[in-house]
Amino acid sequence: MPPTSKENKQGPGIPDGLRSTGCRCAIVASRFNARIVDRLVEGALEAFEKTGTVSDGVKLLRVPGAFELPLAAQRLAEASEYDAIVALGCVVRGETPHFEYVSRAAADGLLRVSLELGIPVAFGVLTTDTVAQAMARAGGEAGNKGFDAAIAAIEMVHLLRDL
């Protein structure tokens, strides 16, 4: 049964009736900006737990940085062991164009994996101007985008099963 858009008793940000039990999911997270990304991982694991999957039921892989996320996601998708992948990372704008290259490569690469292999790849990569903005989105006043990405992945698993 597909979830509705109403909030449920599981907590804010979780659509009514959304369950992750029976969903085989993986998280691929970058080590770069670990202080921020670790908070995104905690948020994603919390989302899985609140929807019925214990944290050890979710595969967690680490990669060096956001640029490496697409390749790891591709290998996970090719293994055909997972229904969805949650990609988590953080790229903070600096003084050089490096930010643009890494952000674009991560976004384009993860989208390509999803479309070519037919598996939801939730984009939980923060692309911010400052560390403060990133912290706000990793469990601060702007919520936790890792939590949001995990919820999106679970929703997409159900949607694709219904199609």
Protein backbone atom coordinates (compact mmCIF):
# COMPACT_ATOMS: atom_id res chain seq x y z
CA MET A 1 0.00 0.00 0.00
CA PRO A 2 1.57 3.32 -1.02
CA PRO A 3 2.03 5.89 1.69
CA THR A 4 -0.03 9.07 1.72
CA SER A 5 1.30 12.56 2.22
CA LYS A 6 -0.06 12.89 5.77
CA GLU A 7 2.33 12.82 8.70
CA ASN A 8 2.03 9.78 10.94
CA LYS A 9 2.78 8.73 14.49
CA GLN A 10 6.28 7.65 13.48
CA GLY A 11 7.36 11.28 13.53
CA PRO A 12 7.66 14.41 11.45
CA GLY A 13 8.85 13.97 7.90
CA ILE A 14 7.55 10.41 7.58
CA PRO A 15 4.51 9.93 5.33
CA ASP A 16 1.61 8.02 6.86
CA GLY A 17 2.13 4.27 6.72
CA LEU A 18 5.62 4.36 5.22
CA ARG A 19 7.54 1.22 6.21
CA SER A 20 11.05 0.18 5.27
CA THR A 21 10.65 -3.42 6.38
CA GLY A 22 11.37 -5.63 3.40
CA CYS A 23 13.39 -2.88 1.70
CA ARG A 24 17.01 -3.78 1.09
CA CYS A 25 18.87 -0.48 1.25
CA ALA A 26 22.44 0.73 1.28
CA ILE A 27 24.01 4.00 2.31
CA VAL A 28 27.16 5.22 0.59
CA ALA A 29 28.73 8.12 2.46
CA SER A 30 31.82 10.23 1.90
CA ARG A 31 34.53 10.60 4.54
CA PHE A 32 35.40 14.13 3.42
CA ASN A 33 33.69 16.64 5.74
CA ALA A 34 33.13 13.72 8.12
CA ARG A 35 31.84 15.91 10.95
CA ILE A 36 28.88 16.86 8.75
CA VAL A 37 28.44 13.61 6.81
CA ASP A 38 28.41 11.52 10.00
CA ARG A 39 25.38 13.53 11.11
CA LEU A 40 23.70 12.85 7.75
CA VAL A 41 24.37 9.13 8.22
CA GLU A 42 22.83 9.27 11.71
CA GLY A 43 19.76 10.95 10.23
CA ALA A 44 19.43 8.32 7.50
CA LEU A 45 19.77 5.47 9.99
CA GLU A 46 17.16 7.14 12.20
CA ALA A 47 14.75 7.27 9.24
CA PHE A 48 15.26 3.56 8.55
CA GLU A 49 14.77 2.69 12.22
CA LYS A 50 11.59 4.78 12.55
CA THR A 51 10.14 3.05 9.51
CA GLY A 52 10.95 -0.46 10.65
CA THR A 53 14.50 -1.38 9.67
CA VAL A 54 17.16 -1.81 12.33
CA SER A 55 20.42 0.00 11.61
CA ASP A 56 22.37 -3.22 11.09
CA GLY A 57 19.88 -4.10 8.35
CA VAL A 58 21.25 -1.27 6.20
CA LYS A 59 24.61 -1.66 4.43
CA LEU A 60 26.90 1.32 5.04
CA LEU A 61 29.88 1.97 2.78
CA ARG A 62 32.36 4.84 3.00
CA VAL A 63 34.15 6.50 0.09
CA PRO A 64 36.82 9.22 0.16
CA GLY A 65 34.65 12.09 -1.09
CA ALA A 66 31.54 13.15 -2.98
CA PHE A 67 33.27 12.63 -6.32
CA GLU A 68 33.55 8.89 -5.57
CA LEU A 69 29.89 8.41 -4.61
CA PRO A 70 28.61 7.58 -8.13
CA LEU A 71 31.03 4.71 -8.73
CA ALA A 72 30.29 3.12 -5.37
CA ALA A 73 26.54 3.57 -5.98
CA GLN A 74 26.92 1.99 -9.40
CA ARG A 75 28.65 -1.09 -7.99
CA LEU A 76 25.99 -1.44 -5.31
CA ALA A 77 23.24 -1.15 -7.92
CA GLU A 78 24.91 -3.65 -10.24
CA ALA A 79 25.06 -6.19 -7.41
CA SER A 80 21.24 -6.37 -7.54
CA GLU A 81 21.16 -6.87 -3.78
CA TYR A 82 19.55 -3.52 -2.93
CA ASP A 83 16.22 -1.88 -3.64
CA ALA A 84 17.58 1.64 -3.07
CA ILE A 85 20.77 3.52 -2.32
CA VAL A 86 21.14 6.64 -0.21
CA ALA A 87 24.14 8.76 -1.23
CA LEU A 88 25.42 11.14 1.45
CA GLY A 89 28.15 13.74 1.22
CA CYS A 90 28.99 17.39 1.69
CA VAL A 91 30.71 19.83 -0.64
CA VAL A 92 31.33 23.32 0.74
CA ARG A 93 32.11 26.14 -1.69
CA GLY A 94 35.69 27.37 -1.52
CA GLU A 95 37.71 29.96 -3.35
CA THR A 96 38.25 27.87 -6.50
CA PRO A 97 35.95 26.27 -9.10
CA HIS A 98 36.61 22.84 -7.54
CA PHE A 99 33.21 23.04 -5.81
CA GLU A 100 31.43 23.26 -9.17
CA TYR A 101 33.23 20.25 -10.63
CA VAL A 102 32.72 17.98 -7.64
CA SER A 103 29.09 18.97 -7.07
CA ARG A 104 28.16 18.50 -10.73
CA ALA A 105 30.01 15.20 -11.03
CA ALA A 106 28.31 13.81 -7.93
CA ALA A 107 24.83 14.94 -9.00
CA ASP A 108 25.15 13.84 -12.62
CA GLY A 109 26.82 10.55 -11.74
CA LEU A 110 24.23 9.56 -9.14
CA LEU A 111 21.37 10.47 -11.47
CA ARG A 112 22.93 8.39 -14.25
CA VAL A 113 23.26 5.36 -11.95
CA SER A 114 19.62 5.64 -10.98
CA LEU A 115 18.31 6.02 -14.52
CA GLU A 116 20.58 3.48 -16.21
CA LEU A 117 20.24 0.76 -13.58
CA GLY A 118 16.63 1.46 -12.58
CA ILE A 119 17.27 1.76 -8.85
CA PRO A 120 16.42 4.74 -6.66
CA VAL A 121 19.53 6.65 -5.64
CA ALA A 122 18.52 9.31 -3.13
CA PHE A 123 20.63 12.46 -3.37
CA GLY A 124 21.71 13.44 0.13
CA VAL A 125 24.75 15.44 -0.90
CA LEU A 126 24.85 18.88 0.66
CA THR A 127 26.19 21.61 -1.62
CA THR A 128 26.52 24.71 0.52
CA ASP A 129 28.35 28.01 0.61
CA THR A 130 29.49 27.64 4.23
CA VAL A 131 30.10 25.03 6.89
CA ALA A 132 27.38 26.71 9.00
CA GLN A 133 24.85 26.10 6.21
CA ALA A 134 25.93 22.47 6.03
CA MET A 135 25.61 22.00 9.79
CA ALA A 136 22.12 23.52 9.69
CA ARG A 137 21.13 20.86 7.13
CA ALA A 138 22.81 18.00 9.00
CA GLY A 139 20.64 17.99 12.08
CA GLY A 140 20.44 21.70 12.78
CA GLU A 141 17.62 24.18 12.34
CA ALA A 142 17.10 23.16 8.69
CA GLY A 143 16.53 19.50 9.62
CA ASN A 144 18.60 16.53 8.55
CA LYS A 145 18.90 15.96 4.82
CA GLY A 146 20.24 12.44 5.46
CA PHE A 147 16.92 11.61 7.12
CA ASP A 148 15.05 13.18 4.19
CA ALA A 149 17.11 11.26 1.62
CA ALA A 150 16.42 7.94 3.34
CA ILE A 151 12.69 8.66 3.44
CA ALA A 152 12.77 9.54 -0.28
CA ALA A 153 14.57 6.26 -1.04
CA ILE A 154 11.99 4.21 0.89
CA GLU A 155 9.13 6.03 -0.84
CA MET A 156 10.66 5.35 -4.25
CA VAL A 157 11.05 1.64 -3.49
CA HIS A 158 7.31 1.45 -2.80
CA LEU A 159 6.43 3.54 -5.83
CA LEU A 160 8.49 1.38 -8.18
CA ARG A 161 7.03 -1.80 -6.71
CA ASP A 162 3.54 -0.43 -7.35
CA LEU A 163 4.40 0.41 -10.95
